[in-house]
Amino acid sequence: MTHEQVKAAFFAESFDLVGATESQVEKLDEWLDKNDYYATAWERWNDMQEEMRGLRMEAEIEFA
């Protein structure tokens, strides 16, 4: 994902943000802080990562 795609996913509150790397989330968080936004990128990304882990576990159980 490009930085612009990461920003767009963040502002759209899209689950696509789950595809961002940690370094991309760090860059987004810094950009948000620099531009006077409440920097919640890490919190949102971590929540999505946790949700993704849950979905993977459900899929493994269902299709095992």
C-alpha atoms as a PDB file:
ATOM      1  CA  MET A   1       0.000   0.000   0.000  1.00  0.00           C
ATOM      2  CA  THR A   2       1.143   3.515  -0.663  1.00  0.00           C
ATOM      3  CA  HIS A   3       1.024   6.187   2.020  1.00  0.00           C
ATOM      4  CA  GLU A   4      -1.969   7.747   0.250  1.00  0.00           C
ATOM      5  CA  GLN A   5      -3.797   4.393   0.231  1.00  0.00           C
ATOM      6  CA  VAL A   6      -3.083   3.945   3.943  1.00  0.00           C
ATOM      7  CA  LYS A   7      -4.409   7.449   4.681  1.00  0.00           C
ATOM      8  CA  ALA A   8      -7.494   6.832   2.543  1.00  0.00           C
ATOM      9  CA  ALA A   9      -8.198   3.540   4.320  1.00  0.00           C
ATOM     10  CA  PHE A  10      -7.766   5.238   7.700  1.00  0.00           C
ATOM     11  CA  PHE A  11     -10.124   8.122   6.930  1.00  0.00           C
ATOM     12  CA  ALA A  12     -12.674   5.813   5.294  1.00  0.00           C
ATOM     13  CA  GLU A  13     -12.469   3.583   8.372  1.00  0.00           C
ATOM     14  CA  SER A  14     -11.887   0.758   5.926  1.00  0.00           C
ATOM     15  CA  PHE A  15     -10.767  -2.722   6.926  1.00  0.00           C
ATOM     16  CA  ASP A  16      -8.172  -2.336   4.132  1.00  0.00           C
ATOM     17  CA  LEU A  17      -5.981  -0.707   6.784  1.00  0.00           C
ATOM     18  CA  VAL A  18      -5.269  -4.217   8.063  1.00  0.00           C
ATOM     19  CA  GLY A  19      -2.999  -4.660   5.015  1.00  0.00           C
ATOM     20  CA  ALA A  20      -0.666  -1.852   6.060  1.00  0.00           C
ATOM     21  CA  THR A  21       2.735  -2.678   7.505  1.00  0.00           C
ATOM     22  CA  GLU A  22       3.903  -1.485  10.905  1.00  0.00           C
ATOM     23  CA  SER A  23       6.208   1.061   9.265  1.00  0.00           C
ATOM     24  CA  GLN A  24       3.287   2.400   7.209  1.00  0.00           C
ATOM     25  CA  VAL A  25       1.167   2.723  10.350  1.00  0.00           C
ATOM     26  CA  GLU A  26       4.041   4.536  12.082  1.00  0.00           C
ATOM     27  CA  LYS A  27       4.333   6.938   9.148  1.00  0.00           C
ATOM     28  CA  LEU A  28       0.560   7.511   9.179  1.00  0.00           C
ATOM     29  CA  ASP A  29       0.568   8.095  12.931  1.00  0.00           C
ATOM     30  CA  GLU A  30       3.338  10.675  12.553  1.00  0.00           C
ATOM     31  CA  TRP A  31       1.479  12.361   9.689  1.00  0.00           C
ATOM     32  CA  LEU A  32      -1.740  12.505  11.725  1.00  0.00           C
ATOM     33  CA  ASP A  33       0.074  14.038  14.692  1.00  0.00           C
ATOM     34  CA  LYS A  34       1.894  16.551  12.490  1.00  0.00           C
ATOM     35  CA  ASN A  35      -1.380  17.626  10.861  1.00  0.00           C
ATOM     36  CA  ASP A  36      -3.270  18.115  14.140  1.00  0.00           C
ATOM     37  CA  TYR A  37      -5.381  14.962  13.953  1.00  0.00           C
ATOM     38  CA  TYR A  38      -5.918  12.756  16.961  1.00  0.00           C
ATOM     39  CA  ALA A  39      -3.459   9.995  16.084  1.00  0.00           C
ATOM     40  CA  THR A  40      -5.357   6.736  16.536  1.00  0.00           C
ATOM     41  CA  ALA A  41      -3.701   4.820  13.699  1.00  0.00           C
ATOM     42  CA  TRP A  42      -1.991   2.289  15.984  1.00  0.00           C
ATOM     43  CA  GLU A  43      -5.120   1.652  18.016  1.00  0.00           C
ATOM     44  CA  ARG A  44      -7.284   1.120  14.930  1.00  0.00           C
ATOM     45  CA  TRP A  45      -4.641  -1.023  13.202  1.00  0.00           C
ATOM     46  CA  ASN A  46      -4.174  -3.196  16.305  1.00  0.00           C
ATOM     47  CA  ASP A  47      -7.937  -3.677  16.618  1.00  0.00           C
ATOM     48  CA  MET A  48      -8.120  -4.747  12.983  1.00  0.00           C
ATOM     49  CA  GLN A  49      -5.167  -7.115  13.385  1.00  0.00           C
ATOM     50  CA  GLU A  50      -6.916  -8.730  16.357  1.00  0.00           C
ATOM     51  CA  GLU A  51     -10.139  -9.069  14.384  1.00  0.00           C
ATOM     52  CA  MET A  52      -8.215 -10.618  11.480  1.00  0.00           C
ATOM     53  CA  ARG A  53      -6.612 -13.173  13.829  1.00  0.00           C
ATOM     54  CA  GLY A  54     -10.078 -14.114  15.060  1.00  0.00           C
ATOM     55  CA  LEU A  55     -11.379 -14.538  11.519  1.00  0.00           C
ATOM     56  CA  ARG A  56      -8.406 -16.732  10.628  1.00  0.00           C
ATOM     57  CA  MET A  57      -8.976 -18.895  13.697  1.00  0.00           C
ATOM     58  CA  GLU A  58     -12.663 -19.292  12.814  1.00  0.00           C
ATOM     59  CA  ALA A  59     -11.747 -20.261   9.246  1.00  0.00           C
ATOM     60  CA  GLU A  60      -9.168 -22.797  10.449  1.00  0.00           C
ATOM     61  CA  ILE A  61     -11.737 -24.424  12.737  1.00  0.00           C
ATOM     62  CA  GLU A  62     -14.468 -24.435  10.096  1.00  0.00           C
ATOM     63  CA  PHE A  63     -12.323 -25.724   7.245  1.00  0.00           C
ATOM     64  CA  ALA A  64      -9.913 -27.984   9.144  1.00  0.00           C
END
